[in-house]
Structure formats: C-alpha cells, structure tokens
Amino acid sequence: GERRNSLRVGRMSVREPRPSKPMDKKLLRSQSLAPPDVKEKSFILITDIQDSTRLWEMNQNDMYEALLLHRASVRKHLSEFGGYEMATEGDAFFIVFHTADNMLNFAMRVQ
C-alpha cells in the first residue's frame, strides 16, 4: 500500500492526510546544490514550524497544504543563499550552508 509520512510525539502519532491530487515533483528534495566539502566549515540550520503538532490536530487538510507551501518556500530560497538540503523530518528541514552569513540571511528571508 501507499506510505504516508507520520510524526510521532510522545504517544501521539499525526499522519499527513492523503493528498487529493498528485504531489508536485518540485516539492521533492532539492538536488541543485552540492554539499559543502568535508574540509570546509559548515553551518547547520534546523527549522521547525512552531506548534505544528497542535495545528495538525486542529485541521490536517489545511496543515498539509500549509506544509506544501512551507516546503516550496524553503526550497525556493536554498539556491539564493547557497544552502544544501540534507534531510527533512515532518515539517523540519536540516540545511547546511558554506557561510554563517548565508545561513542567517536565509533564515531571515524564510521567516
């Protein structure tokens, strides 16, 4: 069967609802930038949507749509600031940057 993402918080598990339409390929993990070289300094940014568990509980369909918009917005600005998407978990992104300035400017832009 089809697997859907779920988020586990304590004893509670929140699942992303089945999308009513096929997922846009542009929302998949960005592969446009190379990760920083292991010899370079790296700056890691971990994002999180505040109160996302409560928001999922309130309205899963709206939160699913908001999550798609959030992912698209974050990924839109990755290349602008030289960020590399390492992974996502639920609504969180794990992103690496070559410079602290780029990381901070990216965070201010997507905030």
C-alpha atoms as a PDB file:
ATOM      1  CA  GLY A   1       0.000   0.000   0.000  1.00  0.00           C
ATOM      2  CA  GLU A   2       0.859   3.670  -0.151  1.00  0.00           C
ATOM      3  CA  ARG A   3       3.023   5.005   2.694  1.00  0.00           C
ATOM      4  CA  ARG A   4       2.336   8.403   4.188  1.00  0.00           C
ATOM      5  CA  ASN A   5       4.574  10.469   6.426  1.00  0.00           C
ATOM      6  CA  SER A   6       3.743  10.480  10.093  1.00  0.00           C
ATOM      7  CA  LEU A   7       5.031  12.463  13.015  1.00  0.00           C
ATOM      8  CA  ARG A   8       5.307  10.802  16.409  1.00  0.00           C
ATOM      9  CA  VAL A   9       5.239  12.996  19.512  1.00  0.00           C
ATOM     10  CA  GLY A  10       5.212  11.049  22.766  1.00  0.00           C
ATOM     11  CA  ARG A  11       2.346   8.579  22.494  1.00  0.00           C
ATOM     12  CA  MET A  12       0.564  10.550  19.788  1.00  0.00           C
ATOM     13  CA  SER A  13       1.096   9.978  16.073  1.00  0.00           C
ATOM     14  CA  VAL A  14      -0.052  12.501  13.480  1.00  0.00           C
ATOM     15  CA  ARG A  15      -0.237  11.409   9.846  1.00  0.00           C
ATOM     16  CA  GLU A  16      -0.171  13.549   6.765  1.00  0.00           C
ATOM     17  CA  PRO A  17      -3.504  13.003   5.001  1.00  0.00           C
ATOM     18  CA  ARG A  18      -3.601  11.531   1.522  1.00  0.00           C
ATOM     19  CA  PRO A  19      -3.264  14.357  -0.962  1.00  0.00           C
ATOM     20  CA  SER A  20      -6.333  14.943  -3.082  1.00  0.00           C
ATOM     21  CA  LYS A  21      -4.084  15.443  -6.116  1.00  0.00           C
ATOM     22  CA  PRO A  22      -0.669  14.033  -7.095  1.00  0.00           C
ATOM     23  CA  MET A  23       2.266  15.695  -5.304  1.00  0.00           C
ATOM     24  CA  ASP A  24       4.117  18.267  -7.365  1.00  0.00           C
ATOM     25  CA  LYS A  25       7.612  16.998  -8.236  1.00  0.00           C
ATOM     26  CA  LYS A  26       9.015  20.467  -7.436  1.00  0.00           C
ATOM     27  CA  LEU A  27       8.276  19.822  -3.760  1.00  0.00           C
ATOM     28  CA  LEU A  28      10.649  16.872  -3.547  1.00  0.00           C
ATOM     29  CA  ARG A  29      14.123  17.262  -2.031  1.00  0.00           C
ATOM     30  CA  SER A  30      16.258  19.831  -3.826  1.00  0.00           C
ATOM     31  CA  GLN A  31      19.322  18.406  -5.551  1.00  0.00           C
ATOM     32  CA  SER A  32      20.515  21.577  -7.273  1.00  0.00           C
ATOM     33  CA  LEU A  33      23.435  22.391  -4.959  1.00  0.00           C
ATOM     34  CA  ALA A  34      26.376  20.317  -3.828  1.00  0.00           C
ATOM     35  CA  PRO A  35      27.000  19.821  -0.106  1.00  0.00           C
ATOM     36  CA  PRO A  36      29.918  21.685   1.473  1.00  0.00           C
ATOM     37  CA  ASP A  37      33.261  19.909   1.187  1.00  0.00           C
ATOM     38  CA  VAL A  38      34.190  17.998   4.346  1.00  0.00           C
ATOM     39  CA  LYS A  39      37.290  20.182   4.784  1.00  0.00           C
ATOM     40  CA  GLU A  40      35.243  23.404   4.778  1.00  0.00           C
ATOM     41  CA  LYS A  41      33.494  24.944   7.752  1.00  0.00           C
ATOM     42  CA  SER A  42      29.813  24.113   7.635  1.00  0.00           C
ATOM     43  CA  PHE A  43      26.889  25.841   9.285  1.00  0.00           C
ATOM     44  CA  ILE A  44      23.809  23.753  10.026  1.00  0.00           C
ATOM     45  CA  LEU A  45      20.316  25.185  10.243  1.00  0.00           C
ATOM     46  CA  ILE A  46      17.416  23.139  11.605  1.00  0.00           C
ATOM     47  CA  THR A  47      13.971  24.602  11.026  1.00  0.00           C
ATOM     48  CA  ASP A  48      10.700  23.865  12.800  1.00  0.00           C
ATOM     49  CA  ILE A  49       7.133  25.129  12.496  1.00  0.00           C
ATOM     50  CA  GLN A  50       6.056  26.356  15.913  1.00  0.00           C
ATOM     51  CA  ASP A  51       3.054  24.470  17.351  1.00  0.00           C
ATOM     52  CA  SER A  52       2.840  22.204  14.291  1.00  0.00           C
ATOM     53  CA  THR A  53       1.508  19.242  16.288  1.00  0.00           C
ATOM     54  CA  ARG A  54      -1.396  21.340  17.584  1.00  0.00           C
ATOM     55  CA  LEU A  55      -2.004  22.679  14.076  1.00  0.00           C
ATOM     56  CA  TRP A  56      -2.105  19.122  12.643  1.00  0.00           C
ATOM     57  CA  GLU A  57      -4.647  18.175  15.320  1.00  0.00           C
ATOM     58  CA  MET A  58      -6.826  21.190  14.520  1.00  0.00           C
ATOM     59  CA  ASN A  59      -7.063  20.645  10.759  1.00  0.00           C
ATOM     60  CA  GLN A  60      -4.989  18.028   8.930  1.00  0.00           C
ATOM     61  CA  ASN A  61      -6.045  19.046   5.423  1.00  0.00           C
ATOM     62  CA  ASP A  62      -5.174  22.728   5.905  1.00  0.00           C
ATOM     63  CA  MET A  63      -1.906  21.823   7.631  1.00  0.00           C
ATOM     64  CA  TYR A  64      -0.973  19.508   4.767  1.00  0.00           C
ATOM     65  CA  GLU A  65      -1.496  22.349   2.279  1.00  0.00           C
ATOM     66  CA  ALA A  66       0.464  24.733   4.535  1.00  0.00           C
ATOM     67  CA  LEU A  67       3.304  22.197   4.746  1.00  0.00           C
ATOM     68  CA  LEU A  68       3.482  22.015   0.944  1.00  0.00           C
ATOM     69  CA  LEU A  69       3.693  25.815   0.770  1.00  0.00           C
ATOM     70  CA  HIS A  70       6.326  25.863   3.527  1.00  0.00           C
ATOM     71  CA  ARG A  71       8.489  23.288   1.746  1.00  0.00           C
ATOM     72  CA  ALA A  72       8.178  25.157  -1.566  1.00  0.00           C
ATOM     73  CA  SER A  73       9.146  28.456   0.075  1.00  0.00           C
ATOM     74  CA  VAL A  74      12.173  26.999   1.864  1.00  0.00           C
ATOM     75  CA  ARG A  75      13.386  25.243  -1.270  1.00  0.00           C
ATOM     76  CA  LYS A  76      12.829  28.328  -3.417  1.00  0.00           C
ATOM     77  CA  HIS A  77      15.399  30.265  -1.375  1.00  0.00           C
ATOM     78  CA  LEU A  78      18.002  27.493  -0.904  1.00  0.00           C
ATOM     79  CA  SER A  79      19.931  28.252  -4.085  1.00  0.00           C
ATOM     80  CA  GLU A  80      19.760  32.010  -3.485  1.00  0.00           C
ATOM     81  CA  PHE A  81      21.759  31.586  -0.263  1.00  0.00           C
ATOM     82  CA  GLY A  82      23.872  28.551  -1.182  1.00  0.00           C
ATOM     83  CA  GLY A  83      22.052  26.141   1.140  1.00  0.00           C
ATOM     84  CA  TYR A  84      22.094  22.370   0.782  1.00  0.00           C
ATOM     85  CA  GLU A  85      19.101  20.351   1.971  1.00  0.00           C
ATOM     86  CA  MET A  86      20.421  17.374   3.928  1.00  0.00           C
ATOM     87  CA  ALA A  87      17.059  15.997   5.043  1.00  0.00           C
ATOM     88  CA  THR A  88      13.514  16.725   6.173  1.00  0.00           C
ATOM     89  CA  GLU A  89      11.625  15.207   9.076  1.00  0.00           C
ATOM     90  CA  GLY A  90       7.977  16.129   9.400  1.00  0.00           C
ATOM     91  CA  ASP A  91       7.954  19.907   8.945  1.00  0.00           C
ATOM     92  CA  ALA A  92      11.642  20.320   9.873  1.00  0.00           C
ATOM     93  CA  PHE A  93      14.478  20.944   7.422  1.00  0.00           C
ATOM     94  CA  PHE A  94      18.138  20.119   8.047  1.00  0.00           C
ATOM     95  CA  ILE A  95      20.143  22.516   5.853  1.00  0.00           C
ATOM     96  CA  VAL A  96      23.898  23.111   5.525  1.00  0.00           C
ATOM     97  CA  PHE A  97      25.458  26.399   4.434  1.00  0.00           C
ATOM     98  CA  HIS A  98      29.017  27.349   3.457  1.00  0.00           C
ATOM     99  CA  THR A  99      28.918  30.605   5.474  1.00  0.00           C
ATOM    100  CA  ALA A 100      27.213  31.819   8.634  1.00  0.00           C
ATOM    101  CA  ASP A 101      26.114  34.984   6.803  1.00  0.00           C
ATOM    102  CA  ASN A 102      24.288  32.936   4.176  1.00  0.00           C
ATOM    103  CA  MET A 103      22.630  30.833   6.872  1.00  0.00           C
ATOM    104  CA  LEU A 104      21.430  33.877   8.813  1.00  0.00           C
ATOM    105  CA  ASN A 105      20.235  35.735   5.701  1.00  0.00           C
ATOM    106  CA  PHE A 106      18.359  32.628   4.544  1.00  0.00           C
ATOM    107  CA  ALA A 107      16.701  32.259   7.958  1.00  0.00           C
ATOM    108  CA  MET A 108      15.590  35.887   7.951  1.00  0.00           C
ATOM    109  CA  ARG A 109      14.224  35.578   4.399  1.00  0.00           C
ATOM    110  CA  VAL A 110      12.119  32.469   5.012  1.00  0.00           C
ATOM    111  CA  GLN A 111      10.959  33.589   8.447  1.00  0.00           C
END
